[in-house]
N, C-alpha and C. Protein backbone atom coordinates (compact mmCIF):
# COMPACT_ATOMS: atom_id res chain seq x y z
N MET A 1 4.79 25.99 -11.39
CA MET A 1 3.97 25.32 -10.29
C MET A 1 3.81 24.09 -10.50
N SER A 2 3.61 23.42 -11.65
CA SER A 2 3.36 22.15 -11.93
C SER A 2 4.56 21.16 -11.27
N ALA A 3 5.86 21.59 -11.30
CA ALA A 3 6.88 20.95 -10.72
C ALA A 3 6.82 20.87 -9.29
N ILE A 4 6.36 21.92 -8.59
CA ILE A 4 6.06 21.78 -7.16
C ILE A 4 5.08 20.75 -6.85
N ILE A 5 4.00 20.78 -7.69
CA ILE A 5 2.80 19.79 -7.36
C ILE A 5 3.37 18.35 -7.55
N TYR A 6 4.00 18.22 -8.69
CA TYR A 6 4.79 16.92 -8.90
C TYR A 6 5.61 16.43 -7.74
N ILE A 7 6.44 17.29 -7.35
CA ILE A 7 7.45 17.02 -6.23
C ILE A 7 6.67 16.58 -4.90
N LEU A 8 5.61 17.51 -4.56
CA LEU A 8 5.02 17.34 -3.39
C LEU A 8 3.94 15.97 -3.51
N ASP A 9 3.54 15.78 -4.74
CA ASP A 9 2.65 14.66 -4.91
C ASP A 9 3.45 13.16 -4.73
N THR A 10 4.81 13.20 -5.38
CA THR A 10 5.61 12.21 -5.15
C THR A 10 6.17 11.98 -3.74
N LEU A 11 6.58 13.05 -3.02
CA LEU A 11 7.04 12.87 -1.68
C LEU A 11 6.03 12.16 -0.73
N LEU A 12 4.73 13.05 -0.81
CA LEU A 12 3.78 12.54 0.00
C LEU A 12 3.16 11.16 -0.43
N GLY A 13 3.31 10.90 -1.69
CA GLY A 13 2.69 9.56 -2.07
C GLY A 13 3.75 8.44 -1.52
N LEU A 14 5.07 8.72 -1.58
CA LEU A 14 6.00 7.90 -0.96
C LEU A 14 5.73 7.62 0.46
N ALA A 15 5.50 8.70 1.18
CA ALA A 15 5.23 8.68 2.60
C ALA A 15 3.89 7.80 2.98
N LEU A 16 2.82 7.91 2.20
CA LEU A 16 1.75 7.18 2.22
C LEU A 16 1.96 5.68 1.95
N VAL A 17 2.82 5.41 0.89
CA VAL A 17 3.10 4.02 0.61
C VAL A 17 3.90 3.36 1.84
N VAL A 18 4.86 4.12 2.41
CA VAL A 18 5.62 3.45 3.45
C VAL A 18 4.75 3.24 4.62
N VAL A 19 3.78 4.21 5.00
CA VAL A 19 3.09 4.15 6.21
C VAL A 19 2.06 2.98 6.04
N MET A 20 1.47 2.83 4.62
CA MET A 20 0.37 1.82 4.37
C MET A 20 1.14 0.39 4.40
N ALA A 21 2.37 0.44 3.84
CA ALA A 21 3.17 -0.76 3.86
C ALA A 21 3.45 -1.28 5.29
N ARG A 22 3.59 -0.56 6.31
CA ARG A 22 3.61 -0.89 7.57
C ARG A 22 2.26 -1.64 8.09
N LEU A 23 1.15 -0.92 7.76
CA LEU A 23 -0.18 -1.38 8.11
C LEU A 23 -0.38 -2.82 7.46
N LEU A 24 0.03 -3.00 6.15
CA LEU A 24 -0.34 -4.12 5.48
C LEU A 24 0.60 -5.28 5.98
N LEU A 25 1.85 -4.92 6.38
CA LEU A 25 2.71 -5.94 6.84
C LEU A 25 2.23 -6.38 8.24
N GLN A 26 1.63 -5.61 9.02
CA GLN A 26 1.02 -6.06 10.32
C GLN A 26 -0.18 -6.73 10.12
N TRP A 27 -1.05 -6.47 9.07
CA TRP A 27 -2.26 -7.39 8.77
C TRP A 27 -1.83 -8.73 8.26
N THR A 28 -0.69 -8.74 7.49
CA THR A 28 -0.48 -10.11 6.86
C THR A 28 0.48 -10.83 7.71
N ARG A 29 0.81 -10.37 8.98
CA ARG A 29 1.66 -11.01 9.86
C ARG A 29 3.00 -11.29 9.33
N ALA A 30 3.66 -10.23 8.73
CA ALA A 30 5.03 -10.44 8.15
C ALA A 30 5.95 -10.70 9.30
N ASP A 31 7.16 -11.17 8.95
CA ASP A 31 8.22 -11.41 9.89
C ASP A 31 8.95 -10.06 10.11
N PHE A 32 8.84 -9.38 11.15
CA PHE A 32 9.40 -7.98 11.43
C PHE A 32 10.90 -8.23 11.74
N ARG A 33 11.42 -9.25 11.88
CA ARG A 33 12.91 -9.56 11.86
C ARG A 33 13.60 -9.33 10.53
N ASN A 34 12.77 -9.34 9.50
CA ASN A 34 13.25 -9.08 8.21
C ASN A 34 13.91 -7.69 7.95
N PRO A 35 15.03 -7.50 7.42
CA PRO A 35 15.53 -6.11 7.19
C PRO A 35 14.71 -5.13 6.55
N ILE A 36 13.93 -5.53 5.63
CA ILE A 36 13.07 -4.52 4.86
C ILE A 36 11.84 -4.14 5.91
N CYS A 37 11.36 -5.03 6.50
CA CYS A 37 10.35 -4.74 7.57
C CYS A 37 10.97 -3.86 8.70
N GLN A 38 12.08 -4.08 9.03
CA GLN A 38 12.69 -3.15 10.14
C GLN A 38 13.01 -1.92 9.61
N GLY A 39 13.39 -1.77 8.20
CA GLY A 39 13.44 -0.43 7.63
C GLY A 39 12.22 0.40 7.65
N ILE A 40 11.09 -0.27 7.27
CA ILE A 40 9.91 0.25 7.20
C ILE A 40 9.39 0.74 8.57
N VAL A 41 9.73 0.02 9.58
CA VAL A 41 9.31 0.24 10.99
C VAL A 41 10.20 1.56 11.36
N LYS A 42 11.38 1.56 11.17
CA LYS A 42 12.15 2.64 11.42
C LYS A 42 11.75 4.07 10.80
N LEU A 43 11.35 3.96 9.59
CA LEU A 43 10.95 4.94 8.79
C LEU A 43 9.60 5.70 9.35
N THR A 44 8.80 4.72 9.82
CA THR A 44 7.41 5.25 10.19
C THR A 44 7.22 5.37 11.71
N ASN A 45 8.27 4.99 12.39
CA ASN A 45 8.21 5.17 13.94
C ASN A 45 7.98 6.67 14.44
N PRO A 46 8.64 7.62 13.74
CA PRO A 46 8.35 8.97 14.27
C PRO A 46 7.07 9.46 14.19
N LEU A 47 6.13 8.90 13.27
CA LEU A 47 4.78 9.19 13.23
C LEU A 47 3.93 8.23 14.11
N ILE A 48 4.10 6.96 14.08
CA ILE A 48 3.27 6.06 14.78
C ILE A 48 3.48 5.91 16.18
N LEU A 49 4.80 6.13 16.74
CA LEU A 49 4.84 5.97 18.27
C LEU A 49 4.20 7.05 19.02
N PRO A 50 4.25 8.33 18.58
CA PRO A 50 3.45 9.34 19.30
C PRO A 50 1.87 8.91 19.13
N LEU A 51 1.47 8.49 18.07
CA LEU A 51 -0.02 8.11 18.05
C LEU A 51 -0.34 6.93 18.86
N ARG A 52 0.56 6.04 19.02
CA ARG A 52 0.36 4.91 19.83
C ARG A 52 0.00 5.15 21.34
N ARG A 53 0.77 6.26 21.75
CA ARG A 53 0.66 6.69 23.26
C ARG A 53 -0.87 7.24 23.36
N ILE A 54 -1.39 7.77 22.36
CA ILE A 54 -2.79 8.20 22.52
C ILE A 54 -3.81 7.29 22.07
N LEU A 55 -3.58 6.46 21.16
CA LEU A 55 -4.58 5.43 20.57
C LEU A 55 -4.26 4.02 21.01
N PRO A 56 -4.96 3.36 21.82
CA PRO A 56 -4.50 2.00 21.87
C PRO A 56 -5.09 1.13 20.83
N PRO A 57 -4.38 -0.07 20.71
CA PRO A 57 -4.89 -1.06 19.65
C PRO A 57 -6.25 -1.52 20.09
N VAL A 58 -7.29 -1.86 19.11
CA VAL A 58 -8.56 -2.44 19.21
C VAL A 58 -8.48 -3.70 18.76
N ARG A 59 -8.40 -4.76 19.59
CA ARG A 59 -8.35 -6.05 19.34
C ARG A 59 -7.00 -6.26 18.61
N LYS A 60 -7.02 -6.84 17.40
CA LYS A 60 -5.70 -7.07 16.59
C LYS A 60 -5.51 -5.86 15.64
N VAL A 61 -6.11 -4.90 15.71
CA VAL A 61 -6.04 -3.63 14.84
C VAL A 61 -5.26 -2.58 15.46
N ASP A 62 -4.08 -2.21 15.03
CA ASP A 62 -3.26 -1.16 15.39
C ASP A 62 -3.79 0.15 14.84
N THR A 63 -4.52 0.79 15.79
CA THR A 63 -5.32 1.92 15.46
C THR A 63 -4.36 2.99 15.09
N ALA A 64 -3.19 3.23 15.63
CA ALA A 64 -2.20 4.26 15.53
C ALA A 64 -1.65 4.12 13.90
N SER A 65 -1.49 2.89 13.36
CA SER A 65 -1.10 2.85 12.10
C SER A 65 -2.37 3.16 11.11
N VAL A 66 -3.54 2.79 11.27
CA VAL A 66 -4.71 3.20 10.60
C VAL A 66 -4.87 4.70 10.63
N VAL A 67 -4.73 5.31 11.82
CA VAL A 67 -4.76 6.90 11.83
C VAL A 67 -3.71 7.42 11.14
N ALA A 68 -2.51 6.84 11.10
CA ALA A 68 -1.38 7.37 10.49
C ALA A 68 -1.63 7.31 8.91
N VAL A 69 -2.23 6.32 8.36
CA VAL A 69 -2.51 6.23 6.98
C VAL A 69 -3.54 7.31 6.59
N LEU A 70 -4.56 7.58 7.42
CA LEU A 70 -5.63 8.41 7.29
C LEU A 70 -5.00 9.79 7.20
N LEU A 71 -4.06 10.00 8.25
CA LEU A 71 -3.56 11.55 8.41
C LEU A 71 -2.54 11.83 7.13
N VAL A 72 -1.80 10.88 6.73
CA VAL A 72 -0.83 11.03 5.63
C VAL A 72 -1.75 11.22 4.33
N ALA A 73 -2.65 10.58 4.02
CA ALA A 73 -3.54 10.61 2.97
C ALA A 73 -4.41 12.12 2.94
N GLY A 74 -4.77 12.37 4.06
CA GLY A 74 -5.50 13.57 4.32
C GLY A 74 -4.46 14.84 3.89
N VAL A 75 -3.19 14.70 4.53
CA VAL A 75 -2.21 15.79 4.22
C VAL A 75 -2.01 15.89 2.82
N LYS A 76 -1.86 14.71 2.09
CA LYS A 76 -1.66 14.74 0.61
C LYS A 76 -2.77 15.35 -0.15
N VAL A 77 -4.05 14.91 0.20
CA VAL A 77 -5.07 15.60 -0.50
C VAL A 77 -5.26 17.01 -0.24
N ALA A 78 -5.13 17.49 1.12
CA ALA A 78 -5.38 18.81 1.45
C ALA A 78 -4.22 19.74 0.66
N CYS A 79 -2.98 19.39 0.67
CA CYS A 79 -1.79 19.95 0.04
C CYS A 79 -2.03 20.09 -1.36
N LEU A 80 -2.38 19.00 -2.16
CA LEU A 80 -2.58 18.92 -3.53
C LEU A 80 -3.82 19.85 -3.92
N TYR A 81 -4.89 19.75 -3.11
CA TYR A 81 -6.12 20.68 -3.47
C TYR A 81 -5.64 22.16 -3.35
N TRP A 82 -4.97 22.45 -2.29
CA TRP A 82 -4.52 23.77 -2.03
C TRP A 82 -3.47 24.29 -3.12
N LEU A 83 -2.63 23.52 -3.57
CA LEU A 83 -1.64 23.93 -4.70
C LEU A 83 -2.40 23.99 -5.93
N MET A 84 -3.64 23.29 -6.15
CA MET A 84 -4.11 23.36 -7.51
C MET A 84 -5.21 24.45 -7.49
N ASP A 85 -5.31 25.20 -6.51
CA ASP A 85 -6.35 26.15 -6.27
C ASP A 85 -7.75 25.62 -6.34
N ALA A 86 -7.95 24.37 -5.79
CA ALA A 86 -9.27 23.78 -5.67
C ALA A 86 -9.87 24.32 -4.55
N PRO A 87 -11.11 24.31 -4.46
CA PRO A 87 -11.92 24.91 -3.28
C PRO A 87 -11.65 23.83 -1.94
N LEU A 88 -10.96 24.54 -1.01
CA LEU A 88 -10.83 23.76 0.27
C LEU A 88 -12.01 23.57 1.12
N ALA A 89 -13.09 24.30 0.80
CA ALA A 89 -14.17 24.26 1.62
C ALA A 89 -15.11 23.12 1.23
N LEU A 90 -14.73 21.94 0.96
CA LEU A 90 -15.49 20.86 0.56
C LEU A 90 -16.13 20.49 1.84
N PRO A 91 -17.38 19.94 1.61
CA PRO A 91 -18.19 19.30 2.77
C PRO A 91 -17.35 18.00 3.44
N ALA A 92 -17.69 17.56 4.53
CA ALA A 92 -16.92 16.52 5.09
C ALA A 92 -16.94 15.31 4.19
N LEU A 93 -18.08 14.95 3.74
CA LEU A 93 -18.20 13.87 2.90
C LEU A 93 -17.33 13.88 1.60
N GLY A 94 -17.11 15.14 1.05
CA GLY A 94 -16.21 15.33 -0.05
C GLY A 94 -14.65 15.05 0.35
N TRP A 95 -14.38 15.50 1.58
CA TRP A 95 -12.99 15.18 2.01
C TRP A 95 -12.83 13.76 2.31
N ALA A 96 -13.90 13.11 2.91
CA ALA A 96 -13.65 11.68 3.14
C ALA A 96 -13.60 10.83 1.91
N ARG A 97 -14.47 11.15 0.96
CA ARG A 97 -14.40 10.44 -0.33
C ARG A 97 -12.92 10.65 -1.02
N ALA A 98 -12.45 11.87 -1.04
CA ALA A 98 -11.18 12.11 -1.62
C ALA A 98 -10.01 11.28 -0.82
N ILE A 99 -10.21 11.23 0.42
CA ILE A 99 -9.02 10.64 1.22
C ILE A 99 -9.31 9.04 0.94
N VAL A 100 -10.36 8.61 0.92
CA VAL A 100 -10.56 7.11 0.80
C VAL A 100 -10.25 6.81 -0.59
N THR A 101 -10.54 7.56 -1.51
CA THR A 101 -10.05 7.19 -2.82
C THR A 101 -8.54 7.26 -3.02
N GLU A 102 -7.94 8.21 -2.47
CA GLU A 102 -6.51 8.09 -2.50
C GLU A 102 -5.81 7.08 -1.82
N ILE A 103 -6.39 6.49 -0.60
CA ILE A 103 -5.95 5.43 0.05
C ILE A 103 -6.06 4.07 -0.79
N ALA A 104 -7.42 3.98 -1.47
CA ALA A 104 -7.65 2.77 -2.25
C ALA A 104 -6.79 2.77 -3.53
N ARG A 105 -6.60 4.03 -4.18
CA ARG A 105 -5.52 3.98 -5.32
C ARG A 105 -4.23 3.58 -4.83
N THR A 106 -3.73 3.98 -3.84
CA THR A 106 -2.35 3.62 -3.35
C THR A 106 -2.32 2.23 -2.98
N LEU A 107 -3.21 1.69 -2.35
CA LEU A 107 -3.30 0.42 -1.84
C LEU A 107 -3.27 -0.53 -3.30
N LEU A 108 -4.09 -0.15 -4.25
CA LEU A 108 -4.08 -0.99 -5.49
C LEU A 108 -2.66 -0.99 -6.29
N TRP A 109 -2.15 0.22 -6.16
CA TRP A 109 -0.78 0.35 -6.82
C TRP A 109 0.33 -0.48 -6.09
N ILE A 110 0.22 -0.37 -4.70
CA ILE A 110 1.24 -1.17 -3.83
C ILE A 110 1.02 -2.62 -4.35
N TYR A 111 -0.18 -3.09 -4.43
CA TYR A 111 -0.35 -4.51 -4.62
C TYR A 111 0.07 -4.75 -6.09
N PHE A 112 -0.23 -3.98 -7.06
CA PHE A 112 0.15 -4.23 -8.57
C PHE A 112 1.64 -4.30 -8.61
N TYR A 113 2.45 -3.38 -8.09
CA TYR A 113 3.83 -3.48 -8.05
C TYR A 113 4.46 -4.64 -7.38
N ALA A 114 3.79 -4.81 -6.26
CA ALA A 114 4.41 -5.94 -5.31
C ALA A 114 4.17 -7.35 -6.11
N ILE A 115 2.97 -7.51 -6.78
CA ILE A 115 2.69 -8.81 -7.57
C ILE A 115 3.69 -8.82 -8.67
N VAL A 116 3.87 -7.85 -9.39
CA VAL A 116 4.84 -7.83 -10.50
C VAL A 116 6.26 -8.14 -10.02
N LEU A 117 6.70 -7.50 -9.06
CA LEU A 117 8.07 -7.94 -8.46
C LEU A 117 8.07 -9.39 -7.99
N TYR A 118 7.09 -9.67 -7.17
CA TYR A 118 7.00 -11.07 -6.85
C TYR A 118 7.05 -12.22 -7.97
N ALA A 119 6.42 -11.79 -9.11
CA ALA A 119 6.36 -12.88 -10.17
C ALA A 119 7.78 -12.84 -10.89
N LEU A 120 8.33 -11.64 -10.91
CA LEU A 120 9.69 -11.54 -11.70
C LEU A 120 10.64 -12.26 -10.75
N LEU A 121 10.62 -12.06 -9.48
CA LEU A 121 11.67 -12.65 -8.61
C LEU A 121 11.39 -14.24 -8.69
N SER A 122 10.20 -14.60 -8.72
CA SER A 122 10.03 -16.17 -8.72
C SER A 122 10.47 -16.72 -10.06
N MET A 123 10.56 -15.94 -11.23
CA MET A 123 11.15 -16.34 -12.49
C MET A 123 12.56 -16.28 -12.51
N ILE A 124 13.21 -15.29 -11.78
CA ILE A 124 14.66 -15.03 -11.98
C ILE A 124 15.36 -15.95 -11.04
N ALA A 125 14.92 -16.19 -9.65
CA ALA A 125 15.41 -16.98 -8.79
C ALA A 125 14.48 -17.80 -8.01
N PRO A 126 13.79 -18.83 -8.75
CA PRO A 126 12.87 -19.73 -8.37
C PRO A 126 13.45 -20.55 -7.11
N GLY A 127 12.81 -20.66 -5.90
CA GLY A 127 13.21 -21.33 -4.71
C GLY A 127 14.32 -20.75 -3.98
N GLY A 128 14.82 -19.59 -4.44
CA GLY A 128 16.06 -18.76 -3.67
C GLY A 128 15.28 -18.01 -2.52
N TYR A 129 16.13 -17.54 -1.76
CA TYR A 129 15.68 -16.63 -0.66
C TYR A 129 16.41 -15.28 -0.77
N SER A 130 15.60 -14.23 -0.56
CA SER A 130 15.99 -12.96 -0.35
C SER A 130 15.02 -12.12 0.59
N PRO A 131 15.41 -11.14 1.32
CA PRO A 131 14.59 -10.61 2.29
C PRO A 131 13.34 -9.95 1.52
N LEU A 132 13.61 -9.48 0.32
CA LEU A 132 12.60 -8.90 -0.48
C LEU A 132 11.50 -9.92 -0.91
N GLN A 133 11.85 -11.12 -1.31
CA GLN A 133 11.05 -12.07 -1.71
C GLN A 133 10.22 -12.69 -0.66
N SER A 134 10.75 -12.67 0.60
CA SER A 134 9.97 -13.08 1.68
C SER A 134 8.85 -12.17 2.01
N VAL A 135 9.21 -10.81 1.99
CA VAL A 135 8.13 -9.72 2.34
C VAL A 135 7.05 -9.83 1.30
N LEU A 136 7.64 -9.86 -0.03
CA LEU A 136 6.57 -10.08 -1.17
C LEU A 136 5.76 -11.17 -0.99
N ALA A 137 6.22 -12.34 -0.69
CA ALA A 137 5.39 -13.55 -0.56
C ALA A 137 4.39 -13.38 0.57
N THR A 138 4.84 -12.78 1.61
CA THR A 138 3.75 -12.47 2.71
C THR A 138 2.57 -11.69 2.31
N LEU A 139 3.08 -10.59 1.51
CA LEU A 139 2.13 -9.53 1.04
C LEU A 139 1.16 -9.97 -0.01
N CYS A 140 1.69 -10.87 -0.93
CA CYS A 140 0.96 -11.24 -2.19
C CYS A 140 0.18 -12.51 -2.17
N GLU A 141 0.77 -13.51 -1.40
CA GLU A 141 0.00 -14.75 -1.40
C GLU A 141 -1.42 -14.74 -1.07
N PRO A 142 -1.78 -13.97 0.01
CA PRO A 142 -3.23 -13.97 0.21
C PRO A 142 -4.15 -13.27 -0.88
N VAL A 143 -3.59 -12.64 -1.72
CA VAL A 143 -4.26 -12.20 -2.95
C VAL A 143 -4.24 -13.18 -4.04
N LEU A 144 -3.11 -13.87 -4.28
CA LEU A 144 -2.96 -14.81 -5.38
C LEU A 144 -3.46 -16.11 -5.15
N ARG A 145 -3.56 -16.59 -3.82
CA ARG A 145 -4.03 -17.97 -3.56
C ARG A 145 -5.56 -18.17 -3.97
N PRO A 146 -6.40 -17.30 -3.73
CA PRO A 146 -7.77 -17.45 -4.22
C PRO A 146 -7.81 -17.51 -5.74
N ILE A 147 -6.97 -16.71 -6.45
CA ILE A 147 -7.04 -16.83 -7.89
C ILE A 147 -6.49 -18.23 -8.42
N ARG A 148 -5.46 -18.65 -7.70
CA ARG A 148 -4.86 -20.08 -8.04
C ARG A 148 -6.03 -21.06 -8.04
N ARG A 149 -6.79 -20.92 -7.06
CA ARG A 149 -7.89 -21.90 -6.84
C ARG A 149 -8.81 -21.98 -8.01
N ILE A 150 -9.19 -20.72 -8.46
CA ILE A 150 -10.11 -20.58 -9.64
C ILE A 150 -9.47 -20.96 -10.84
N ILE A 151 -8.19 -20.44 -11.15
CA ILE A 151 -7.53 -20.60 -12.29
C ILE A 151 -6.22 -21.35 -11.99
N PRO A 152 -5.99 -22.61 -12.33
CA PRO A 152 -4.84 -23.38 -11.96
C PRO A 152 -3.85 -22.96 -13.04
N GLY A 153 -2.61 -23.32 -12.77
CA GLY A 153 -1.35 -23.14 -13.61
C GLY A 153 -1.64 -23.96 -14.87
N ILE A 154 -1.00 -23.45 -15.97
CA ILE A 154 -1.01 -24.29 -17.24
C ILE A 154 0.30 -24.78 -17.47
N SER A 155 0.74 -26.02 -17.47
CA SER A 155 1.86 -26.63 -17.89
C SER A 155 2.92 -26.11 -16.76
N GLY A 156 2.56 -25.94 -15.54
CA GLY A 156 3.59 -25.59 -14.55
C GLY A 156 3.70 -23.92 -14.61
N LEU A 157 2.99 -23.27 -15.43
CA LEU A 157 3.09 -21.73 -15.46
C LEU A 157 1.98 -21.16 -14.64
N ASP A 158 2.37 -20.34 -13.69
CA ASP A 158 1.30 -19.64 -12.79
C ASP A 158 0.92 -18.44 -13.42
N LEU A 159 -0.53 -18.40 -13.79
CA LEU A 159 -0.94 -17.31 -14.43
C LEU A 159 -1.55 -16.22 -13.37
N SER A 160 -1.64 -16.64 -12.04
CA SER A 160 -2.45 -15.85 -11.11
C SER A 160 -1.91 -14.43 -11.13
N PRO A 161 -0.47 -14.08 -11.17
CA PRO A 161 -0.09 -12.69 -11.08
C PRO A 161 -0.68 -11.87 -12.35
N LEU A 162 -0.84 -12.51 -13.45
CA LEU A 162 -1.40 -11.89 -14.61
C LEU A 162 -2.73 -11.50 -14.45
N TRP A 163 -3.66 -12.41 -13.96
CA TRP A 163 -5.05 -12.12 -13.84
C TRP A 163 -5.27 -11.28 -12.48
N ALA A 164 -4.41 -11.29 -11.58
CA ALA A 164 -4.47 -10.22 -10.44
C ALA A 164 -4.06 -8.89 -10.99
N GLY A 165 -3.17 -8.70 -11.79
CA GLY A 165 -2.69 -7.49 -12.33
C GLY A 165 -3.79 -6.91 -13.25
N ILE A 166 -4.48 -7.74 -14.01
CA ILE A 166 -5.63 -7.32 -14.75
C ILE A 166 -6.72 -6.80 -14.01
N ALA A 167 -7.07 -7.56 -12.84
CA ALA A 167 -8.15 -7.19 -11.96
C ALA A 167 -7.93 -5.81 -11.26
N ILE A 168 -6.54 -5.61 -10.90
CA ILE A 168 -6.20 -4.46 -10.05
C ILE A 168 -6.30 -3.25 -11.07
N GLN A 169 -5.74 -3.46 -12.34
CA GLN A 169 -5.90 -2.20 -13.33
C GLN A 169 -7.40 -1.91 -13.56
N ALA A 170 -8.17 -2.96 -13.79
CA ALA A 170 -9.71 -2.91 -13.88
C ALA A 170 -10.23 -1.84 -12.75
N LEU A 171 -9.79 -2.19 -11.48
CA LEU A 171 -10.33 -1.47 -10.33
C LEU A 171 -9.78 -0.06 -10.32
N LEU A 172 -8.48 0.07 -10.81
CA LEU A 172 -7.85 1.48 -10.95
C LEU A 172 -8.74 2.33 -11.94
N ILE A 173 -9.03 1.66 -13.03
CA ILE A 173 -9.84 2.48 -13.99
C ILE A 173 -11.17 2.82 -13.37
N LEU A 174 -11.84 2.03 -12.63
CA LEU A 174 -13.03 2.34 -12.06
C LEU A 174 -12.97 3.45 -10.91
N LEU A 175 -11.72 3.50 -10.33
CA LEU A 175 -11.56 4.69 -9.36
C LEU A 175 -11.38 6.04 -9.89
N ARG A 176 -10.98 6.10 -11.23
CA ARG A 176 -10.84 7.46 -11.85
C ARG A 176 -11.94 8.37 -11.78
């Protein structure tokens, strides 16, 4: 049974990461001509496009993407509760808390790995261009810029990814 739980957790976790990546790329105004962004859009279109027919955007927020994130997180939490023989008759507040915790945990892990990849790519190929580096810059710079203002680089070494990683890990510990 634990193998089934692991497989389901991994697959639904990856689905949540992809849907959340689409939402984050929309919020950070990423260039959707980028091949990585196009791949994310093609992967999530089967879920988002039907929702878009029902849910119009509210100002600059794509409500279909927000609802898709909530739906995938809800399905993941429900399936894992069901497989672990946990009580499914939670109060609405319990379900909401479990779903929000799952979304927050996934968001923090996305940013942790994105920042690590961004830092590694900036050391391996500084000043170079790759589609991945462009997407990571769009995603990570809003998080790293405030840290750089508080803690400047030392002898040309940017320590903001290190501090961001420490802060993210501390938040993940608090979410347990």
